[in-house]
Amino acid sequence: MLKSSAVLLLLSIAFAAYSSSTPRVTNPNFDGKSWWEYVKVLAADNMEGRETGSEGLRRASAYIVEQLKKDGLQPAGVNGFYQPVKLISRQIDESASSLAVVRNDSKEPLTLGEDAFFSTRVQLAPEVNAAMVFVGYGLSIPEKSYDDYAGLDLKGKVVVMISGSPADIPSALASHYQSTAERYKTLREAGVVGIVAIPNPASMDIPWGRMTLARTRPSMTLADPELDETRGMSLVVVFNPVQAEKLFRDSGHSFAELAALAKDRKPLPRFALTARIQARAKIIRKDVESANVVAKLPGGDPKLKDEYVVLSSHMDHLGIGEPINGDRLYNGAMDNASGCALNLDIANALQRTHAKLSRSVLFVFVTAEEKGLLGSKYFASNPTVPPDSMP
């Protein structure tokens, strides 16, 4: 979701979009003091890290609504300022789950957390036993006539891929086709049942030891099956690149060779692996309800007031988890109490200065960003104002 800098950019674009006949408003200097007061409240320990669906996030949402009311903004949700969002929480029970690489009659158990871990972003099947195929970067990009899946028999199989993209693919295009919606649509069409994703060692922003700290934390998806972009996928595993040679043994290729190519973003070969992956997964499933917060500041132009400029930030953070430097509470001051505080500061400034706006401004504080942009996705699919009013 949008962070502080993006919100500031949107605001500047918004004011540029107002009618040129609208009197110019001189905004007070931004000294950061009022903004920081909002941050301190939203990132305080009593907000408990604002985990999606938690009491801490509900307290943060209520505080935001209270500030919006004080500034005279109008509710624009479904239930007053709130837009309820139904979610499903999925958590792996590692004590009853296992992974193994099977080659001929040899079975090599994998250590969860050290070799690999399950991703619960998909509805893991209780059992998967499938052949594996290495598909390079796992991208299909029609605009560049690039297809890592072309000519491969992938039905009922698990694909193995390295994160990244070839150097000759523009980064914006590569990012689009690495999105959940695009990637899983292609996988479904190919009949793939699962993914083994290997982080590119040359571009790992988060070290493996840090990544695995959160592996047993709940993931979430939207309860509406129509909005589940990963439907049909039975297995997603993230594999430690240090241990990835276990996948490629006897394949004619080594992971060291493939990683060297991926480091320079060179084309990667594609080939069937000699091993199968065997997985057993036990999932703890719970229903969760959270909410977006939506408010509007009406514009004054009779023709333009039904058009909205949207300023958005996410309320949720990571909650309470494994300790980092002895601290288990992830306060989330910059991610993203700062963005919510900026939105609140903007709303307050616009009201305080009696700004004469032509278009209306919609302030959207979304939930479940850390769970995969779910609050944003829900709002985009179920906008609380007419979709064509947000040019």
Protein backbone atom coordinates (compact mmCIF):
# COMPACT_ATOMS: atom_id res chain seq x y z
CA MET A 1 0.00 0.00 0.00
CA LEU A 2 0.93 3.66 -0.26
CA LYS A 3 3.57 4.97 2.10
CA SER A 4 4.04 8.59 3.14
CA SER A 5 5.93 9.76 0.05
CA ALA A 6 3.30 8.29 -2.26
CA VAL A 7 0.49 9.97 -0.33
CA LEU A 8 2.25 13.32 -0.63
CA LEU A 9 2.61 12.77 -4.37
CA LEU A 10 -1.06 11.90 -4.68
CA LEU A 11 -2.01 15.01 -2.77
CA SER A 12 0.00 17.21 -5.10
CA ILE A 13 -1.65 15.52 -8.09
CA ALA A 14 -5.03 15.96 -6.45
CA PHE A 15 -4.64 19.70 -6.02
CA ALA A 16 -3.41 20.00 -9.59
CA ALA A 17 -6.67 18.36 -10.67
CA TYR A 18 -8.88 20.96 -9.01
CA SER A 19 -10.55 23.61 -11.12
CA SER A 20 -8.26 26.51 -11.98
CA SER A 21 -11.03 28.88 -10.95
CA THR A 22 -10.89 27.58 -7.38
CA PRO A 23 -9.28 30.13 -5.03
CA ARG A 24 -5.76 29.11 -4.01
CA VAL A 25 -5.48 27.99 -0.39
CA THR A 26 -2.31 28.73 1.51
CA ASN A 27 -1.54 25.65 3.58
CA PRO A 28 0.23 26.01 6.89
CA ASN A 29 3.84 24.92 7.00
CA PHE A 30 4.29 21.25 7.76
CA ASP A 31 6.51 20.99 10.81
CA GLY A 32 5.86 17.31 11.50
CA LYS A 33 4.63 17.86 15.03
CA SER A 34 0.96 17.01 14.56
CA TRP A 35 1.90 14.17 12.21
CA TRP A 36 4.22 12.71 14.85
CA GLU A 37 1.49 12.86 17.50
CA TYR A 38 -0.67 10.64 15.31
CA VAL A 39 2.27 8.26 14.75
CA LYS A 40 2.93 7.97 18.47
CA VAL A 41 -0.64 6.91 19.17
CA LEU A 42 -0.93 4.44 16.27
CA ALA A 43 2.45 2.82 16.98
CA ALA A 44 2.11 2.75 20.77
CA ASP A 45 2.57 -0.54 22.61
CA ASN A 46 -1.12 -0.73 23.49
CA MET A 47 -1.92 -1.10 19.77
CA GLU A 48 -0.03 -4.43 19.97
CA GLY A 49 1.48 -4.15 16.51
CA ARG A 50 -1.93 -3.84 14.79
CA GLU A 51 -2.15 -7.44 13.55
CA THR A 52 -5.06 -7.95 11.15
CA GLY A 53 -8.19 -8.95 13.06
CA SER A 54 -6.64 -8.16 16.47
CA GLU A 55 -7.97 -5.98 19.27
CA GLY A 56 -4.96 -3.74 18.71
CA LEU A 57 -5.96 -3.04 15.11
CA ARG A 58 -9.56 -2.45 16.19
CA ARG A 59 -8.30 0.15 18.69
CA ALA A 60 -6.22 1.80 15.97
CA SER A 61 -9.22 1.84 13.60
CA ALA A 62 -11.44 3.38 16.29
CA TYR A 63 -8.81 6.07 16.94
CA ILE A 64 -8.67 6.90 13.22
CA VAL A 65 -12.47 7.13 13.05
CA GLU A 66 -12.48 9.39 16.11
CA GLN A 67 -10.01 11.78 14.46
CA LEU A 68 -11.96 11.81 11.21
CA LYS A 69 -15.15 12.67 13.09
CA LYS A 70 -13.39 15.49 14.94
CA ASP A 71 -12.32 16.93 11.60
CA GLY A 72 -15.85 16.80 10.28
CA LEU A 73 -15.32 14.22 7.58
CA GLN A 74 -18.30 12.21 6.41
CA PRO A 75 -18.55 8.42 6.70
CA ALA A 76 -18.13 6.68 3.36
CA GLY A 77 -17.99 3.02 4.34
CA VAL A 78 -20.75 0.41 4.48
CA ASN A 79 -21.33 0.58 8.22
CA GLY A 80 -20.64 4.24 8.90
CA PHE A 81 -16.91 4.75 8.45
CA TYR A 82 -16.26 1.00 8.36
CA GLN A 83 -16.20 -1.42 5.43
CA PRO A 84 -16.16 -4.95 6.94
CA VAL A 85 -13.75 -7.39 5.29
CA LYS A 86 -14.16 -11.13 5.86
CA LEU A 87 -10.95 -13.13 5.82
CA ILE A 88 -9.73 -16.69 6.32
CA SER A 89 -6.65 -17.28 8.47
CA ARG A 90 -4.41 -20.26 7.67
CA GLN A 91 -1.59 -21.43 9.91
CA ILE A 92 0.72 -24.38 9.38
CA ASP A 93 1.04 -26.95 12.15
CA GLU A 94 4.64 -28.00 11.56
CA SER A 95 4.46 -30.74 14.18
CA ALA A 96 2.05 -32.61 11.91
CA SER A 97 3.57 -31.55 8.57
CA SER A 98 6.56 -32.74 6.56
CA LEU A 99 8.50 -32.31 3.33
CA ALA A 100 10.78 -34.74 1.52
CA VAL A 101 12.62 -35.08 -1.79
CA VAL A 102 12.07 -38.55 -3.27
CA ARG A 103 14.45 -39.89 -5.91
CA ASN A 104 13.90 -43.47 -7.15
CA ASP A 105 13.61 -45.47 -3.92
CA SER A 106 15.52 -42.91 -1.86
CA LYS A 107 13.65 -40.49 0.37
CA GLU A 108 15.46 -37.45 1.79
CA PRO A 109 13.46 -35.71 4.54
CA LEU A 110 13.73 -31.93 4.63
CA THR A 111 14.06 -29.95 7.83
CA LEU A 112 11.34 -27.31 8.04
CA GLY A 113 12.90 -23.93 8.67
CA GLU A 114 16.39 -25.05 7.66
CA ASP A 115 15.84 -26.53 4.20
CA ALA A 116 12.46 -25.10 3.31
CA PHE A 117 9.09 -24.01 4.67
CA PHE A 118 5.46 -24.08 3.61
CA SER A 119 3.70 -20.93 2.42
CA THR A 120 0.12 -20.75 3.64
CA ARG A 121 -0.80 -18.04 1.14
CA VAL A 122 -2.50 -20.92 -0.70
CA GLN A 123 -4.91 -23.57 0.58
CA LEU A 124 -2.36 -26.35 1.04
CA ALA A 125 -3.57 -29.84 0.21
CA PRO A 126 -3.20 -32.43 3.00
CA GLU A 127 -0.89 -34.48 0.78
CA VAL A 128 1.04 -33.85 -2.44
CA ASN A 129 3.34 -36.30 -4.19
CA ALA A 130 4.36 -34.90 -7.56
CA ALA A 131 7.15 -34.76 -10.10
CA MET A 132 9.11 -31.50 -10.35
CA VAL A 133 10.10 -29.40 -13.36
CA PHE A 134 12.51 -26.47 -13.29
CA VAL A 135 10.97 -23.52 -15.16
CA GLY A 136 13.67 -20.87 -14.79
CA TYR A 137 12.14 -17.60 -13.61
CA GLY A 138 8.61 -18.96 -14.02
CA LEU A 139 7.42 -16.12 -16.22
CA SER A 140 5.14 -15.90 -19.23
CA ILE A 141 5.23 -12.47 -20.89
CA PRO A 142 3.30 -12.33 -24.20
CA GLU A 143 4.43 -8.78 -25.01
CA LYS A 144 8.02 -10.02 -25.25
CA SER A 145 7.23 -13.46 -26.68
CA TYR A 146 8.80 -14.90 -23.55
CA ASP A 147 7.41 -18.06 -21.98
CA ASP A 148 9.21 -20.22 -19.41
CA TYR A 149 6.41 -22.78 -19.66
CA ALA A 150 6.36 -23.26 -23.43
CA GLY A 151 6.71 -26.85 -24.60
CA LEU A 152 6.79 -28.33 -21.09
CA ASP A 153 4.39 -30.99 -19.80
CA LEU A 154 3.37 -29.48 -16.46
CA LYS A 155 -0.03 -31.01 -15.79
CA GLY A 156 -0.17 -32.40 -12.26
CA LYS A 157 3.40 -31.34 -11.55
CA VAL A 158 5.21 -28.96 -9.21
CA VAL A 159 7.30 -26.23 -10.83
CA VAL A 160 10.60 -25.07 -9.36
CA MET A 161 11.64 -21.48 -10.04
CA ILE A 162 14.22 -18.88 -9.06
CA SER A 163 13.00 -15.37 -8.26
CA GLY A 164 13.91 -12.64 -10.74
CA SER A 165 13.61 -11.97 -14.45
CA PRO A 166 15.82 -11.80 -17.55
CA ALA A 167 17.72 -8.54 -18.10
CA ASP A 168 16.01 -7.82 -21.43
CA ILE A 169 12.54 -7.73 -19.85
CA PRO A 170 11.58 -4.22 -18.63
CA SER A 171 11.25 -4.22 -14.84
CA ALA A 172 7.68 -2.86 -14.86
CA LEU A 173 6.55 -5.62 -17.22
CA ALA A 174 8.38 -8.28 -15.21
CA SER A 175 6.79 -7.03 -11.99
CA HIS A 176 3.34 -7.21 -13.53
CA TYR A 177 3.77 -10.83 -14.58
CA GLN A 178 5.27 -11.77 -11.22
CA SER A 179 2.08 -10.57 -9.51
CA THR A 180 -0.06 -13.18 -7.82
CA ALA A 181 -2.95 -12.76 -10.25
CA GLU A 182 -0.89 -13.12 -13.42
CA ARG A 183 1.48 -15.84 -12.25
CA TYR A 184 -1.21 -18.11 -10.79
CA LYS A 185 -3.48 -17.66 -13.79
CA THR A 186 -0.70 -18.98 -16.02
CA LEU A 187 0.02 -21.85 -13.64
CA ARG A 188 -3.64 -22.88 -13.53
CA GLU A 189 -3.85 -22.88 -17.32
CA ALA A 190 -0.80 -25.17 -17.45
CA GLY A 191 -2.30 -27.58 -14.91
CA VAL A 192 0.43 -26.99 -12.32
CA VAL A 193 -0.42 -28.17 -8.79
CA GLY A 194 2.35 -26.48 -6.83
CA ILE A 195 5.43 -24.25 -6.67
CA VAL A 196 8.86 -24.54 -5.11
CA ALA A 197 10.22 -20.98 -5.03
CA ILE A 198 13.94 -20.41 -4.50
CA PRO A 199 14.98 -16.86 -3.57
CA ASN A 200 17.71 -15.52 -5.84
CA PRO A 201 20.81 -15.43 -3.60
CA ALA A 202 22.02 -12.29 -5.39
CA SER A 203 18.93 -10.28 -4.47
CA MET A 204 17.77 -11.59 -1.07
CA ASP A 205 16.76 -8.43 0.81
CA ILE A 206 15.90 -10.52 3.87
CA PRO A 207 18.32 -13.25 4.99
CA TRP A 208 17.01 -16.80 5.27
CA GLY A 209 17.25 -16.82 9.07
CA ARG A 210 14.99 -13.77 9.24
CA MET A 211 12.55 -15.13 6.65
CA THR A 212 11.97 -18.30 8.61
CA LEU A 213 11.05 -16.47 11.82
CA ALA A 214 7.58 -15.79 10.43
CA ARG A 215 7.02 -19.13 8.72
CA THR A 216 4.45 -20.40 11.27
CA ARG A 217 2.57 -17.12 11.56
CA PRO A 218 -0.94 -17.13 10.09
CA SER A 219 -1.45 -16.07 6.50
CA MET A 220 -4.77 -14.73 5.31
CA THR A 221 -6.90 -14.65 2.22
CA LEU A 222 -10.21 -13.00 1.41
CA ALA A 223 -13.17 -15.22 2.26
CA ASP A 224 -14.86 -14.48 -1.08
CA PRO A 225 -13.66 -17.34 -3.33
CA GLU A 226 -14.04 -15.11 -6.37
CA LEU A 227 -11.23 -12.96 -5.00
CA ASP A 228 -8.86 -15.86 -4.29
CA GLU A 229 -6.21 -15.56 -7.00
CA THR A 230 -4.38 -18.70 -5.81
CA ARG A 231 -7.34 -21.07 -6.08
CA GLY A 232 -6.48 -24.47 -7.47
CA MET A 233 -2.93 -24.47 -6.12
CA SER A 234 -2.16 -27.32 -3.71
CA LEU A 235 1.39 -26.55 -2.59
CA VAL A 236 3.78 -23.63 -2.26
CA VAL A 237 7.17 -24.17 -0.69
CA VAL A 238 9.97 -21.64 -0.21
CA PHE A 239 13.36 -23.35 -0.48
CA ASN A 240 16.60 -22.22 1.11
CA PRO A 241 19.07 -21.47 -1.71
CA VAL A 242 21.92 -22.79 0.44
CA GLN A 243 20.18 -26.18 0.45
CA ALA A 244 18.76 -26.07 -3.08
CA GLU A 245 21.31 -28.50 -4.52
CA LYS A 246 19.12 -31.23 -3.00
CA LEU A 247 16.55 -30.51 -5.71
CA PHE A 248 18.94 -30.64 -8.68
CA ARG A 249 21.02 -33.73 -7.93
CA ASP A 250 21.37 -36.02 -10.99
CA SER A 251 19.54 -33.52 -13.20
CA GLY A 252 22.56 -32.55 -15.29
CA HIS A 253 22.53 -29.08 -13.77
CA SER A 254 23.70 -27.68 -10.45
CA PHE A 255 22.06 -24.94 -8.46
CA ALA A 256 25.40 -23.09 -8.36
CA GLU A 257 25.33 -22.94 -12.17
CA LEU A 258 21.73 -21.68 -12.23
CA ALA A 259 22.31 -19.12 -9.47
CA ALA A 260 25.31 -17.71 -11.36
CA LEU A 261 23.12 -17.16 -14.43
CA ALA A 262 20.31 -15.66 -12.35
CA LYS A 263 22.75 -13.29 -10.63
CA ASP A 264 23.42 -11.65 -14.01
CA ARG A 265 19.76 -12.02 -15.06
CA LYS A 266 20.71 -14.30 -17.94
CA PRO A 267 18.32 -16.78 -19.58
CA LEU A 268 17.87 -20.00 -17.61
CA PRO A 269 17.45 -23.54 -18.92
CA ARG A 270 14.24 -25.45 -18.31
CA PHE A 271 14.19 -29.16 -17.60
CA ALA A 272 12.52 -31.98 -15.69
CA LEU A 273 14.08 -32.90 -12.36
CA THR A 274 14.83 -36.47 -11.40
CA ALA A 275 13.13 -36.04 -8.02
CA ARG A 276 9.60 -35.80 -6.77
CA ILE A 277 8.44 -33.72 -3.85
CA GLN A 278 6.39 -35.33 -1.13
CA ALA A 279 4.46 -33.06 1.23
CA ARG A 280 2.07 -33.47 4.14
CA ALA A 281 0.50 -30.31 5.51
CA LYS A 282 -1.84 -29.75 8.42
CA ILE A 283 -3.53 -26.36 8.39
CA ILE A 284 -5.28 -24.57 11.25
CA ARG A 285 -8.07 -22.55 9.65
CA LYS A 286 -10.01 -19.71 11.27
CA ASP A 287 -12.50 -17.10 10.12
CA VAL A 288 -11.38 -13.52 10.74
CA GLU A 289 -13.20 -10.22 10.33
CA SER A 290 -11.46 -6.90 9.99
CA ALA A 291 -12.47 -3.63 8.34
CA ASN A 292 -11.29 -0.84 6.08
CA VAL A 293 -12.03 2.71 7.22
CA VAL A 294 -13.40 5.08 4.56
CA ALA A 295 -14.19 8.80 4.91
CA LYS A 296 -14.89 11.61 2.49
CA LEU A 297 -14.37 15.33 2.35
CA PRO A 298 -16.98 16.64 -0.11
CA GLY A 299 -15.93 18.94 -2.92
CA GLY A 300 -17.78 22.14 -3.69
CA ASP A 301 -18.09 22.17 -7.47
CA PRO A 302 -21.60 21.09 -8.59
CA LYS A 303 -20.21 19.17 -11.57
CA LEU A 304 -17.02 17.77 -10.05
CA LYS A 305 -18.02 16.97 -6.47
CA ASP A 306 -19.09 13.44 -7.46
CA GLU A 307 -15.54 12.69 -8.59
CA TYR A 308 -13.06 11.49 -5.94
CA VAL A 309 -9.35 11.80 -5.41
CA VAL A 310 -8.35 8.78 -3.29
CA LEU A 311 -5.67 9.00 -0.59
CA SER A 312 -4.85 5.61 0.87
CA SER A 313 -2.67 4.04 3.55
CA HIS A 314 -2.76 0.75 5.44
CA MET A 315 -3.46 0.44 9.15
CA ASP A 316 -2.23 -3.08 9.89
CA HIS A 317 1.25 -4.25 10.79
CA LEU A 318 2.82 -7.53 11.99
CA GLY A 319 1.50 -7.71 15.55
CA ILE A 320 3.48 -9.76 18.06
CA GLY A 321 5.93 -12.45 16.96
CA GLU A 322 9.37 -13.89 17.32
CA PRO A 323 11.72 -11.55 19.20
CA ILE A 324 14.14 -9.31 17.33
CA ASN A 325 16.81 -7.93 19.67
CA GLY A 326 14.62 -9.14 22.52
CA ASP A 327 11.50 -7.24 21.42
CA ARG A 328 8.46 -9.31 20.36
CA LEU A 329 6.16 -6.37 19.65
CA TYR A 330 6.39 -5.01 16.10
CA ASN A 331 5.16 -1.43 16.53
CA GLY A 332 5.11 -0.51 12.84
CA ALA A 333 5.75 3.23 13.22
CA MET A 334 6.98 3.62 9.64
CA ASP A 335 5.04 0.68 8.25
CA ASN A 336 2.55 2.16 8.13
CA ALA A 337 1.46 4.32 11.07
CA SER A 338 3.38 7.07 9.27
CA GLY A 339 1.13 6.88 6.20
CA CYS A 340 -2.07 6.80 8.27
CA ALA A 341 -0.79 9.75 10.30
CA LEU A 342 -0.11 11.69 7.12
CA ASN A 343 -3.61 11.02 5.83
CA LEU A 344 -5.05 12.21 9.15
CA ASP A 345 -2.83 15.29 9.07
CA ILE A 346 -3.95 16.08 5.52
CA ALA A 347 -7.61 15.71 6.46
CA ASN A 348 -7.12 17.97 9.47
CA ALA A 349 -5.25 20.60 7.44
CA LEU A 350 -7.87 20.69 4.69
CA GLN A 351 -10.65 21.25 7.21
CA ARG A 352 -8.68 23.68 9.36
CA THR A 353 -7.79 25.90 6.40
CA HIS A 354 -11.33 25.68 4.96
CA ALA A 355 -9.88 24.59 1.64
CA LYS A 356 -12.25 25.12 -1.26
CA LEU A 357 -11.96 21.91 -3.22
CA SER A 358 -13.74 21.18 -6.47
CA ARG A 359 -13.57 17.39 -6.30
CA SER A 360 -14.23 15.30 -3.23
CA VAL A 361 -11.39 13.56 -1.41
CA LEU A 362 -11.79 9.94 -0.29
CA PHE A 363 -9.58 8.83 2.60
CA VAL A 364 -9.19 5.04 2.61
CA PHE A 365 -7.41 3.31 5.51
CA VAL A 366 -7.12 -0.35 4.57
CA THR A 367 -6.59 -3.53 6.54
CA ALA A 368 -4.61 -6.71 5.79
CA GLU A 369 -1.94 -5.10 3.63
CA GLU A 370 0.71 -7.25 5.27
CA LYS A 371 -1.35 -10.33 4.39
CA GLY A 372 -1.11 -9.64 0.66
CA LEU A 373 -2.80 -6.26 -0.02
CA LEU A 374 -6.12 -7.85 0.88
CA GLY A 375 -7.92 -4.77 2.20
CA SER A 376 -6.98 -2.84 -0.93
CA LYS A 377 -8.06 -5.72 -3.14
CA TYR A 378 -11.41 -5.90 -1.35
CA PHE A 379 -12.00 -2.15 -1.66
CA ALA A 380 -11.06 -2.20 -5.36
CA SER A 381 -13.55 -5.03 -5.93
CA ASN A 382 -16.23 -3.50 -3.67
CA PRO A 383 -15.77 0.29 -3.81
CA THR A 384 -18.02 2.23 -1.47
CA VAL A 385 -18.44 4.99 -4.06
CA PRO A 386 -19.25 4.48 -7.75
CA PRO A 387 -16.12 3.12 -9.49
CA ASP A 388 -16.33 5.61 -12.35
CA SER A 389 -16.24 8.48 -9.83
CA MET A 390 -12.56 7.78 -9.10
CA PRO A 391 -10.89 9.05 -12.32
